[in-house]
Protein backbone atom coordinates (compact mmCIF):
# COMPACT_ATOMS: atom_id res chain seq x y z
CA MET A 1 -13.74 -5.10 35.85
CA ARG A 2 -12.50 -4.11 32.23
CA GLY A 3 -9.16 -5.07 33.12
CA SER A 4 -10.42 -8.45 34.20
CA GLU A 5 -12.39 -8.86 31.02
CA ASP A 6 -9.33 -8.16 28.78
CA GLN A 7 -7.21 -10.13 30.71
CA THR A 8 -9.65 -13.35 30.06
CA ARG A 9 -10.35 -12.36 26.50
CA LEU A 10 -6.48 -11.79 25.49
CA PRO A 11 -5.48 -15.99 25.86
CA ARG A 12 -8.65 -16.83 23.93
CA ARG A 13 -7.45 -14.33 21.04
CA ARG A 14 -4.00 -15.96 21.20
CA GLU A 15 -5.17 -19.52 21.20
CA ARG A 16 -7.39 -18.43 18.25
CA CYS A 17 -4.27 -17.00 16.31
CA ARG A 18 -2.07 -20.00 17.28
CA GLN A 19 -4.78 -22.20 16.17
CA GLY A 20 -5.34 -20.14 12.60
CA GLY A 21 -1.73 -20.59 12.02
CA THR A 22 -1.07 -24.07 12.60
CA SER A 23 -4.21 -26.18 11.84
CA GLY A 24 -5.33 -24.00 8.72
CA GLN A 25 -9.02 -24.58 10.10
CA GLY A 26 -11.13 -22.94 7.30
CA MET A 27 -8.13 -22.34 5.19
CA THR A 28 -7.50 -24.35 1.97
CA PRO A 29 -5.72 -23.59 -1.09
CA LEU A 30 -8.80 -24.01 -3.07
CA ARG A 31 -9.98 -20.98 -1.37
CA VAL A 32 -7.04 -18.74 -1.82
CA ILE A 33 -7.27 -19.95 -5.66
CA THR A 34 -10.83 -18.93 -6.11
CA THR A 35 -10.82 -15.40 -4.04
CA GLY A 36 -7.88 -14.82 -6.43
CA LEU A 37 -9.78 -15.84 -9.52
CA ILE A 38 -12.79 -13.69 -8.50
CA LEU A 39 -10.57 -10.70 -7.49
CA SER A 40 -8.53 -10.99 -10.62
CA GLY A 41 -11.81 -10.91 -12.76
CA VAL A 42 -12.84 -7.87 -10.60
CA LEU A 43 -9.54 -6.25 -11.49
CA ILE A 44 -9.38 -6.75 -15.20
CA GLY A 45 -13.39 -5.37 -15.38
CA ILE A 46 -12.21 -2.52 -13.41
CA ALA A 47 -9.30 -1.81 -15.82
CA LEU A 48 -11.40 -2.14 -19.31
CA ILE A 49 -14.01 0.22 -17.79
CA SER A 50 -11.20 2.78 -17.00
CA LEU A 51 -10.16 2.33 -20.47
CA SER A 52 -12.99 3.21 -21.79
CA LEU A 53 -13.70 6.46 -19.28
CA GLY A 54 -11.84 10.03 -19.99
CA PRO A 55 -11.95 13.21 -21.51
CA ALA A 56 -11.85 11.36 -25.10
CA LYS A 57 -15.22 9.76 -25.60
CA ILE A 58 -14.42 5.72 -26.25
CA SER A 59 -17.29 3.60 -25.35
CA LEU A 60 -16.69 0.32 -23.22
CA ARG A 61 -18.35 -2.06 -26.22
CA GLU A 62 -15.50 -0.42 -28.67
CA VAL A 63 -12.76 -1.14 -26.09
CA LEU A 64 -13.83 -4.90 -25.47
CA THR A 65 -13.89 -5.32 -29.39
CA TRP A 66 -10.45 -3.87 -29.63
CA VAL A 67 -9.07 -5.82 -27.04
CA ALA A 68 -10.63 -8.77 -28.72
CA GLY A 69 -9.22 -7.84 -31.94
CA TYR A 70 -12.53 -8.09 -33.87
CA LYS A 71 -11.84 -4.27 -34.70
CA SER A 72 -8.58 -2.53 -35.92
CA VAL A 73 -7.97 0.57 -33.68
CA ASP A 74 -7.33 4.12 -35.40
CA GLN A 75 -4.33 5.79 -34.42
CA THR A 76 -5.63 8.67 -32.10
CA ALA A 77 -7.54 6.09 -30.46
CA TRP A 78 -4.53 3.52 -29.74
CA MET A 79 -2.36 6.46 -28.84
CA ILE A 80 -4.88 7.40 -26.05
CA LEU A 81 -5.95 3.67 -25.00
CA PHE A 82 -2.21 2.39 -24.77
CA LYS A 83 0.13 4.96 -24.70
CA ILE A 84 -1.73 7.34 -21.87
CA ARG A 85 -4.65 5.10 -20.34
CA LEU A 86 -3.04 1.87 -19.94
CA PRO A 87 -0.03 2.83 -18.28
CA ARG A 88 -1.07 4.21 -16.25
CA ILE A 89 -3.73 1.85 -15.18
CA LEU A 90 -1.10 -0.40 -14.81
CA LEU A 91 0.79 1.66 -12.65
CA ALA A 92 -2.14 2.44 -10.65
CA GLY A 93 -2.77 -1.39 -9.76
CA LEU A 94 1.13 -1.64 -9.08
CA VAL A 95 0.67 0.98 -6.66
CA GLY A 96 -2.29 -0.22 -5.21
CA PHE A 97 -0.73 -3.69 -4.87
CA THR A 98 2.21 -2.68 -3.01
CA LEU A 99 0.99 -0.16 -0.48
CA SER A 100 -1.86 -2.93 0.35
CA ILE A 101 0.81 -5.32 0.82
CA GLY A 102 2.65 -2.89 3.16
CA GLY A 103 -0.33 -2.11 5.32
CA VAL A 104 -0.94 -5.78 5.60
CA VAL A 105 2.39 -6.63 7.18
CA PHE A 106 2.60 -3.56 9.21
CA GLN A 107 -0.62 -4.18 11.17
CA ALA A 108 0.66 -7.69 11.80
CA LEU A 109 4.07 -6.85 12.72
CA LEU A 110 3.05 -4.09 14.96
CA ARG A 111 -0.44 -5.54 16.11
CA ASN A 112 -1.72 -2.13 15.48
CA PRO A 113 -4.80 -1.49 12.94
CA LEU A 114 -3.81 2.05 12.00
CA ALA A 115 -0.29 1.15 10.85
CA GLU A 116 0.41 1.41 7.44
CA PRO A 117 3.15 3.09 5.17
CA PHE A 118 1.55 7.03 4.80
CA ILE A 119 0.42 7.06 8.57
CA LEU A 120 3.92 5.86 9.80
CA GLY A 121 5.85 8.52 7.35
CA VAL A 122 7.17 5.86 5.62
CA SER A 123 5.33 7.38 2.23
CA SER A 124 6.82 10.55 2.86
CA GLY A 125 10.18 9.34 4.03
CA ALA A 126 10.41 7.57 0.59
CA ALA A 127 9.35 10.76 -1.23
CA VAL A 128 12.21 12.79 0.24
CA GLY A 129 14.53 10.40 -0.72
CA ALA A 130 13.06 10.62 -4.46
CA ILE A 131 13.35 14.54 -4.55
CA ILE A 132 16.94 14.43 -3.19
CA GLY A 133 17.58 12.22 -6.30
CA ILE A 134 15.69 14.39 -8.62
CA ALA A 135 17.41 17.41 -7.25
CA LEU A 136 20.96 15.78 -7.55
CA GLY A 137 19.96 14.65 -11.62
CA LEU A 138 19.99 11.28 -10.93
CA GLY A 139 17.57 9.09 -13.17
CA PHE A 140 14.45 7.05 -12.58
CA GLY A 141 16.23 3.81 -13.64
CA LEU A 142 18.41 3.63 -10.46
CA GLY A 143 19.09 6.63 -8.45
CA VAL A 144 15.86 7.91 -7.49
CA PRO A 145 14.29 4.45 -6.64
CA LEU A 146 17.33 3.66 -4.55
CA LEU A 147 17.33 6.80 -2.62
CA SER A 148 13.56 6.51 -2.04
CA PHE A 149 14.22 3.14 -0.73
CA MET A 150 16.84 4.44 1.64
CA GLY A 151 14.23 7.46 2.84
CA ALA A 152 11.63 4.62 3.28
CA LEU A 153 13.85 2.49 5.53
CA PHE A 154 15.39 5.21 7.29
CA THR A 155 12.05 6.54 8.37
CA ILE A 156 10.66 3.00 9.36
CA LEU A 157 13.55 2.51 11.84
CA LEU A 158 13.10 6.13 13.08
CA VAL A 159 9.56 5.42 13.82
CA MET A 160 10.69 2.31 15.83
CA GLY A 161 13.52 3.57 17.28
CA ILE A 162 11.75 6.40 18.92
CA SER A 163 8.78 4.80 19.83
CA SER A 164 10.28 1.48 21.46
CA ARG A 165 10.67 1.48 25.00
CA HIS A 166 12.32 -1.37 27.26
CA GLY A 167 12.48 -3.49 24.34
CA GLY A 168 8.91 -3.12 23.36
CA LEU A 169 6.87 -0.83 20.99
CA GLU A 170 3.88 0.99 22.58
CA SER A 171 1.01 1.35 20.15
CA SER A 172 0.08 5.24 20.90
CA THR A 173 3.42 6.33 20.78
CA LEU A 174 4.28 4.48 17.45
CA LEU A 175 1.18 6.16 15.68
CA LEU A 176 1.81 9.77 17.39
CA THR A 177 5.68 9.33 15.98
CA GLY A 178 4.53 8.58 12.69
CA VAL A 179 2.20 11.51 12.35
CA ILE A 180 5.17 13.98 13.67
CA VAL A 181 7.61 12.37 10.87
CA ASN A 182 5.27 12.28 8.15
CA ALA A 183 4.40 16.14 8.93
CA PHE A 184 8.31 16.76 9.37
CA PHE A 185 9.28 15.25 6.32
CA THR A 186 6.35 16.91 4.34
CA ALA A 187 7.58 19.94 5.41
CA VAL A 188 10.98 19.21 4.11
CA ILE A 189 9.80 18.01 1.03
CA MET A 190 7.93 21.74 0.66
CA PHE A 191 10.94 23.44 1.61
CA PHE A 192 13.27 21.84 -1.14
CA ILE A 193 10.26 22.62 -3.57
CA THR A 194 9.91 26.38 -2.79
CA THR A 195 13.49 27.07 -2.46
CA THR A 196 15.26 25.49 -5.36
CA GLY A 197 15.28 26.78 -8.98
CA ASP A 198 14.87 23.64 -10.53
CA SER A 199 12.08 23.65 -12.88
CA ARG A 200 11.55 19.66 -12.25
CA LEU A 201 11.07 20.06 -8.42
CA HIS A 202 8.41 23.07 -8.86
CA SER A 203 6.48 20.88 -11.14
CA MET A 204 6.42 18.41 -8.60
CA LEU A 205 3.88 19.99 -6.37
CA PHE A 206 1.20 17.95 -7.94
CA TRP A 207 2.98 14.80 -7.62
CA LEU A 208 3.39 15.59 -3.97
CA TYR A 209 -0.12 14.36 -3.43
CA GLY A 210 -0.20 11.34 -5.40
CA ASP A 211 -0.08 11.53 -9.37
CA LEU A 212 0.21 8.61 -11.85
CA SER A 213 -0.30 11.20 -15.15
CA GLN A 214 3.50 10.37 -15.71
CA SER A 215 3.19 7.11 -15.74
CA ARG A 216 5.13 4.93 -18.68
CA TYR A 217 5.86 1.30 -19.40
CA ALA A 218 9.56 1.71 -18.22
CA HIS A 219 8.11 2.32 -14.54
CA LEU A 220 6.53 -0.99 -14.72
CA SER A 221 9.25 -3.14 -16.13
CA ILE A 222 11.59 -1.56 -13.44
CA GLY A 223 9.05 -2.12 -10.50
CA LEU A 224 7.17 -5.10 -11.38
CA PRO A 225 9.70 -7.89 -10.92
CA VAL A 226 11.25 -6.50 -7.70
CA ILE A 227 7.45 -5.94 -6.22
CA LEU A 228 6.81 -9.44 -7.16
CA ILE A 229 9.76 -11.31 -5.57
CA VAL A 230 9.03 -9.50 -2.10
CA SER A 231 5.55 -10.05 -2.35
CA GLY A 232 6.30 -13.77 -2.57
CA ILE A 233 8.79 -13.73 0.15
CA LEU A 234 6.67 -11.97 2.44
CA TYR A 235 3.66 -14.38 1.40
CA VAL A 236 6.08 -17.26 2.35
CA PHE A 237 5.92 -16.16 6.18
CA SER A 238 1.78 -15.66 6.41
CA ARG A 239 1.58 -18.08 8.67
CA HIS A 240 3.91 -16.77 11.05
CA LEU A 241 2.34 -13.64 10.73
CA ASN A 242 -0.53 -14.97 12.05
CA LEU A 243 1.09 -16.03 15.30
CA ILE A 244 2.74 -12.70 15.43
CA VAL A 245 -0.80 -11.19 15.77
CA GLY A 246 -1.56 -13.31 18.75
CA GLY A 247 1.70 -11.98 20.56
CA GLU A 248 5.31 -12.01 19.99
CA GLU A 249 6.02 -14.13 23.25
CA SER A 250 3.67 -16.83 21.70
CA ALA A 251 5.06 -16.63 18.52
CA LEU A 252 8.63 -17.14 19.76
CA GLN A 253 7.43 -20.44 21.58
CA MET A 254 5.79 -21.58 18.30
CA GLY A 255 9.54 -21.35 16.72
CA VAL A 256 8.79 -18.16 14.83
CA GLU A 257 11.97 -15.65 14.48
CA VAL A 258 10.15 -12.63 15.34
CA GLU A 259 13.21 -9.99 14.91
CA LEU A 260 14.51 -11.74 11.80
CA LEU A 261 11.08 -11.54 10.27
CA LYS A 262 10.64 -8.03 11.21
CA TRP A 263 14.01 -7.23 9.90
CA ILE A 264 13.10 -8.95 6.30
CA SER A 265 9.78 -7.39 6.39
CA PHE A 266 10.65 -3.95 7.01
CA LEU A 267 13.67 -4.33 4.42
CA GLY A 268 11.31 -5.52 1.92
CA ILE A 269 8.48 -3.23 2.77
CA SER A 270 11.07 0.07 2.28
CA LEU A 271 12.34 -1.55 -0.67
CA ILE A 272 8.91 -1.89 -2.62
CA THR A 273 7.07 1.12 -0.98
CA GLY A 274 10.38 3.38 -1.88
CA MET A 275 10.09 2.59 -5.34
CA VAL A 276 6.32 2.67 -6.07
CA ILE A 277 6.39 6.22 -4.53
CA SER A 278 9.31 7.53 -6.38
CA PHE A 279 7.24 6.87 -9.49
CA SER A 280 3.77 7.67 -8.01
CA GLY A 281 4.29 10.16 -5.43
CA ILE A 282 2.73 10.14 -1.99
CA ILE A 283 -0.79 8.26 -1.73
CA GLY A 284 -2.20 7.70 1.42
CA PHE A 285 -4.64 5.47 3.28
CA VAL A 286 -4.54 2.34 0.36
CA GLY A 287 -2.78 0.20 2.86
CA LEU A 288 -5.11 1.50 5.44
CA ILE A 289 -8.76 1.02 4.04
CA VAL A 290 -7.93 -2.20 1.96
CA PRO A 291 -6.58 -4.52 4.48
CA HIS A 292 -9.37 -3.72 7.05
CA LEU A 293 -12.07 -4.34 4.13
CA MET A 294 -10.46 -7.59 3.34
CA ARG A 295 -10.14 -8.44 6.95
CA MET A 296 -13.98 -8.04 7.43
CA LEU A 297 -14.90 -9.93 4.53
CA LEU A 298 -12.53 -12.68 4.17
CA GLY A 299 -11.29 -12.97 8.06
CA PRO A 300 -7.87 -12.38 9.45
CA ASP A 301 -5.57 -15.24 8.21
CA HIS A 302 -2.80 -13.64 6.28
CA ARG A 303 -2.49 -16.81 3.79
CA LEU A 304 -5.69 -15.41 2.32
CA LEU A 305 -5.41 -12.00 3.23
CA ILE A 306 -2.24 -10.77 1.73
CA PRO A 307 -3.27 -12.17 -1.59
CA ALA A 308 -6.57 -10.63 -1.44
CA SER A 309 -5.37 -7.31 0.17
CA ALA A 310 -2.67 -6.91 -2.78
CA LEU A 311 -5.45 -7.53 -5.61
CA GLY A 312 -7.85 -5.69 -3.87
CA GLY A 313 -5.73 -2.47 -3.33
CA ALA A 314 -5.00 -2.75 -7.20
CA VAL A 315 -8.71 -2.47 -7.64
CA PHE A 316 -9.21 0.55 -5.16
CA LEU A 317 -6.44 2.53 -6.75
CA ILE A 318 -7.39 1.78 -10.31
CA ALA A 319 -11.05 3.16 -9.22
CA ALA A 320 -9.63 6.18 -7.42
CA ASP A 321 -7.41 7.22 -9.77
CA THR A 322 -10.22 6.80 -12.67
CA LEU A 323 -12.62 9.09 -10.30
CA ALA A 324 -9.52 12.08 -10.11
CA ARG A 325 -9.41 11.67 -13.72
CA ILE A 326 -13.23 11.94 -14.50
CA ILE A 327 -14.65 14.15 -11.64
CA LEU A 328 -13.45 17.51 -12.66
CA SER A 329 -13.04 16.34 -16.47
CA PRO A 330 -11.14 17.44 -18.62
CA SER A 331 -8.89 18.68 -15.51
CA GLU A 332 -8.18 16.29 -12.79
CA LEU A 333 -7.17 15.54 -9.18
CA PRO A 334 -4.14 14.12 -7.56
CA VAL A 335 -5.32 10.51 -6.76
CA GLY A 336 -4.13 11.58 -3.08
CA VAL A 337 -6.74 13.68 -2.83
CA VAL A 338 -9.58 10.89 -3.64
CA THR A 339 -7.63 8.52 -1.13
CA ALA A 340 -7.38 10.94 1.65
CA PHE A 341 -11.11 12.03 1.45
CA LEU A 342 -11.83 8.31 1.60
CA GLY A 343 -8.99 7.05 4.19
CA ALA A 344 -9.42 10.21 6.67
CA PRO A 345 -13.16 9.16 8.11
CA PHE A 346 -11.89 5.61 7.77
CA PHE A 347 -9.12 6.31 10.13
CA ILE A 348 -11.37 7.95 12.69
CA TYR A 349 -13.58 5.31 12.70
CA LEU A 350 -11.18 3.04 13.48
CA LEU A 351 -9.53 5.01 15.88
CA LYS A 352 -12.79 5.08 18.12
CA GLN A 353 -12.86 1.29 18.03
CA ARG A 354 -11.11 0.91 21.07
CA GLY A 355 -12.95 -2.71 21.85
CA SER A 356 -11.36 -4.52 19.00
CA GLN A 357 -9.08 -7.33 19.20
CA TRP A 358 -6.14 -4.92 17.93
CA THR A 359 -6.54 -2.41 20.41
CA GLN A 360 -7.01 -4.13 23.42
CA GLY A 361 -3.77 -6.33 22.67
């Protein structure tokens, strides 16, 4: 009985996806712009609040008057705000932006609600690449991000290669493979850290769980242009992602080059994920939580979902990192611990939702 119900629901879901991808029903440029402006306002507000919070007491009113130029900043406050807190806030926003886009695109291409860079092992693979780059003495200008990208790309290809059967991907096998690969690469990282005599690697144990305390403006200058270009390319294919969610076969019939889109997307996501992981360490569940919340609030159309998730991811990680900084002040937690506390229960909730449109496809 359940099987017959699923067979009747699936064509209707695919038809809705085709309509959403081609007709634009309920989706206008004005809605995208309005949503983007609202989330950008929230992002700026969270960033200003985050600037005012920390062991040094600087009120939000003082921050606002200094930002507006109505009051000069004393040297100590200037150092705290613009040399320590601001680059960390900007990097948190950039990392959250990137991981959320990765989650949105993975979930669409793999048609799996639990797909995201951390759960599929991509973050751990990128971290292994970064660790190797650091052990080889390479710098963060090109060498470490490049090896981190190669680690991320190798991981997603490995996971997909193991999970594919008869030309298709099995959802449960994909998740299980990702979890196993994630655990293996985490063990590899711990092996490097505990067996090497390099003091730089020993100090990276905190970084392993997500650490933004070493943020620099140089990281932003390296990562921002690449991330914006890749994000723009992925957004161009947002309508195609709508069609793929309805099924690869129907997407092919609608003229979508599915395999080409997969390669472009996996290369792009591996590049930007590897880059931010080399700066921030492993931060999990951002690409799981934010896209689902945005999908619940705004609907499944990727023309709106991609920019909304990107901005929402930036807001989420800035807020999480602020909490990590102040909850045990003057000590601090790795931001990955905070996102794991929030993300693990959310993961379990999604895992139990077997009746969703995703899990039945």
